[in-house]
Amino acid sequence: MVRTLILMRHGKSAYPAGIEDHERPLAPRGKREAALAGTWLRANQPPIDAVRCSTATRTRETLTATGITAPVAFESGIYEATTDYLIELVGLTDPTVSTLLVIGHAPGLPWTAWELAAARDTEDAVRLSRKFPTSALAVLRIPGAWDRVGPGTGDLVGFHVPR
């Protein structure tokens, strides 16, 4: 069974005075672009079965703006996650899940997308390596079970920046 992993960076955040980084909300542009990302996901990807989302305010608001209503697990470790942590987290996904959306932060998500991609010379991989802007989505096809995901095991089949 081929599975779909979608790695999404949170929408553009605001920088209100006196607010800790973890609690920064989305800026109006971030809400608009996250909504565009949700529209793109529904039109171009399989239905999302599960979401793993950072506990940061801007990631939770990004999820809300997408309109994705799949079951969500909020994971504090995604906030400053390393590639190893994110790959391990994906590997713990319920085997009945076909499509997983992970909403988090840079640099963890772009590095993870790069690490999982088997081919790094495709147009999408080159674009991803140059910049992974806010609200961007990396789509990887993962052959086999989630617990077998690892470096070079995915096919990067899409990189979309909603604008």
Protein backbone atom coordinates (compact mmCIF):
# COMPACT_ATOMS: atom_id res chain seq x y z
CA MET A 1 0.00 0.00 0.00
CA VAL A 2 1.36 3.41 -0.97
CA ARG A 3 0.82 6.11 1.63
CA THR A 4 0.87 9.88 1.29
CA LEU A 5 2.80 12.10 3.68
CA ILE A 6 2.19 15.84 3.48
CA LEU A 7 4.57 18.13 5.35
CA MET A 8 3.20 21.65 5.76
CA ARG A 9 4.93 24.68 7.21
CA HIS A 10 2.68 26.97 9.24
CA GLY A 11 1.25 30.11 7.70
CA LYS A 12 2.96 33.51 7.93
CA SER A 13 2.93 34.59 11.56
CA ALA A 14 2.49 37.95 13.19
CA TYR A 15 5.01 39.41 15.62
CA PRO A 16 2.99 41.12 18.35
CA ALA A 17 5.06 42.80 21.07
CA GLY A 18 5.47 40.86 24.27
CA ILE A 19 4.33 37.51 22.82
CA GLU A 20 6.61 34.47 23.17
CA ASP A 21 7.55 32.72 19.93
CA HIS A 22 5.45 29.62 20.69
CA GLU A 23 2.34 31.80 21.13
CA ARG A 24 2.69 33.97 18.01
CA PRO A 25 -0.56 33.99 15.98
CA LEU A 26 -0.98 33.99 12.23
CA ALA A 27 -0.87 37.25 10.34
CA PRO A 28 -3.82 37.94 8.00
CA ARG A 29 -1.65 36.79 5.07
CA GLY A 30 -0.95 33.54 6.93
CA LYS A 31 -4.65 32.85 7.39
CA ARG A 32 -5.34 33.55 3.71
CA GLU A 33 -2.51 31.36 2.44
CA ALA A 34 -3.34 28.50 4.85
CA ALA A 35 -6.92 28.59 3.53
CA LEU A 36 -5.55 28.41 -0.03
CA ALA A 37 -3.42 25.43 1.04
CA GLY A 38 -6.52 23.66 2.36
CA THR A 39 -8.35 24.27 -0.91
CA TRP A 40 -5.36 22.90 -2.85
CA LEU A 41 -5.14 19.83 -0.61
CA ARG A 42 -8.82 18.98 -1.09
CA ALA A 43 -8.57 19.43 -4.87
CA ASN A 44 -5.24 17.67 -5.47
CA GLN A 45 -4.51 15.11 -2.77
CA PRO A 46 -6.19 12.04 -1.29
CA PRO A 47 -8.44 12.70 1.70
CA ILE A 48 -6.40 13.30 4.84
CA ASP A 49 -6.94 10.58 7.45
CA ALA A 50 -4.89 12.03 10.31
CA VAL A 51 -3.02 15.18 11.31
CA ARG A 52 -0.04 15.66 13.60
CA CYS A 53 0.28 19.32 14.49
CA SER A 54 2.68 21.35 16.60
CA THR A 55 1.16 22.91 19.70
CA ALA A 56 2.34 26.39 18.68
CA THR A 57 -0.46 28.90 18.18
CA ARG A 58 0.45 29.60 14.56
CA THR A 59 0.36 25.90 13.60
CA ARG A 60 -2.99 25.34 15.31
CA GLU A 61 -4.39 28.42 13.54
CA THR A 62 -2.93 27.14 10.25
CA LEU A 63 -4.78 23.84 10.69
CA THR A 64 -8.03 25.68 11.42
CA ALA A 65 -7.60 27.90 8.36
CA THR A 66 -7.08 24.89 6.07
CA GLY A 67 -10.51 23.53 6.95
CA ILE A 68 -9.06 20.02 7.28
CA THR A 69 -11.23 18.09 9.72
CA ALA A 70 -9.33 14.80 10.10
CA PRO A 71 -8.50 13.57 13.62
CA VAL A 72 -5.62 15.59 15.11
CA ALA A 73 -2.83 14.75 17.53
CA PHE A 74 -1.15 17.88 18.87
CA GLU A 75 2.54 17.19 19.45
CA SER A 76 4.68 19.62 21.45
CA GLY A 77 7.85 17.98 20.11
CA ILE A 78 7.16 19.20 16.56
CA TYR A 79 7.88 22.79 17.69
CA GLU A 80 11.68 22.47 17.53
CA ALA A 81 11.84 19.02 15.97
CA THR A 82 14.86 17.50 14.33
CA THR A 83 14.63 15.37 11.22
CA ASP A 84 15.15 12.22 13.30
CA TYR A 85 12.30 13.17 15.63
CA LEU A 86 9.90 13.87 12.76
CA ILE A 87 10.77 10.64 10.95
CA GLU A 88 10.23 8.70 14.17
CA LEU A 89 6.90 10.47 14.73
CA VAL A 90 5.72 9.58 11.21
CA GLY A 91 6.81 6.00 11.84
CA LEU A 92 4.44 5.81 14.81
CA THR A 93 1.40 6.57 12.64
CA ASP A 94 -1.50 4.15 12.89
CA PRO A 95 -1.17 1.59 10.07
CA THR A 96 -4.77 2.23 8.97
CA VAL A 97 -3.88 5.84 8.00
CA SER A 98 -3.32 6.28 4.26
CA THR A 99 -2.69 10.04 4.19
CA LEU A 100 -0.97 11.93 7.00
CA LEU A 101 -0.60 15.71 7.27
CA VAL A 102 2.13 17.07 9.56
CA ILE A 103 2.00 20.80 10.33
CA GLY A 104 5.13 22.28 11.81
CA HIS A 105 8.07 24.59 11.44
CA ALA A 106 11.28 25.30 9.59
CA PRO A 107 13.94 24.07 9.58
CA GLY A 108 12.64 20.67 10.76
CA LEU A 109 10.00 20.14 8.06
CA PRO A 110 12.07 21.15 5.02
CA TRP A 111 15.01 19.09 6.24
CA THR A 112 12.73 16.10 6.79
CA ALA A 113 11.19 16.40 3.31
CA TRP A 114 14.69 16.57 1.83
CA GLU A 115 15.90 13.61 3.91
CA LEU A 116 12.94 11.41 2.95
CA ALA A 117 13.12 12.18 -0.78
CA ALA A 118 14.74 9.37 -2.77
CA ALA A 119 15.45 11.64 -5.75
CA ARG A 120 16.85 15.08 -5.08
CA ASP A 121 17.35 16.22 -8.65
CA THR A 122 13.69 16.73 -9.55
CA GLU A 123 12.25 20.19 -10.12
CA ASP A 124 10.22 19.96 -6.89
CA ALA A 125 13.25 18.85 -4.87
CA VAL A 126 15.37 21.69 -6.23
CA ARG A 127 12.63 24.23 -5.41
CA LEU A 128 12.22 22.77 -1.91
CA SER A 129 15.98 22.93 -1.30
CA ARG A 130 16.09 26.61 -2.18
CA LYS A 131 13.21 27.79 -0.02
CA PHE A 132 10.35 26.26 1.98
CA PRO A 133 8.15 29.33 2.56
CA THR A 134 5.30 29.66 5.01
CA SER A 135 2.23 27.56 4.12
CA ALA A 136 4.33 25.46 1.70
CA LEU A 137 3.45 21.78 1.28
CA ALA A 138 5.80 18.92 0.42
CA VAL A 139 3.96 15.80 -0.75
CA LEU A 140 5.72 12.45 -0.53
CA ARG A 141 4.52 9.01 -1.55
CA ILE A 142 5.71 6.39 0.91
CA PRO A 143 5.68 2.76 -0.27
CA GLY A 144 4.76 0.29 2.45
CA ALA A 145 4.14 0.76 6.14
CA TRP A 146 4.68 3.96 8.10
CA ASP A 147 7.10 2.21 10.44
CA ARG A 148 9.44 1.62 7.50
CA VAL A 149 9.79 5.30 6.61
CA GLY A 150 13.37 6.54 6.61
CA PRO A 151 15.96 8.50 4.65
CA GLY A 152 15.46 8.12 0.92
CA THR A 153 12.28 6.04 1.21
CA GLY A 154 9.83 8.56 -0.22
CA ASP A 155 9.07 9.94 -3.63
CA LEU A 156 8.68 13.72 -3.56
CA VAL A 157 5.70 14.04 -5.90
CA GLY A 158 4.78 17.64 -5.21
CA PHE A 159 5.91 20.90 -3.70
CA HIS A 160 3.22 23.56 -3.57
CA VAL A 161 3.38 27.12 -2.30
CA PRO A 162 -0.13 28.60 -2.02
CA ARG A 163 -0.24 32.26 -3.06
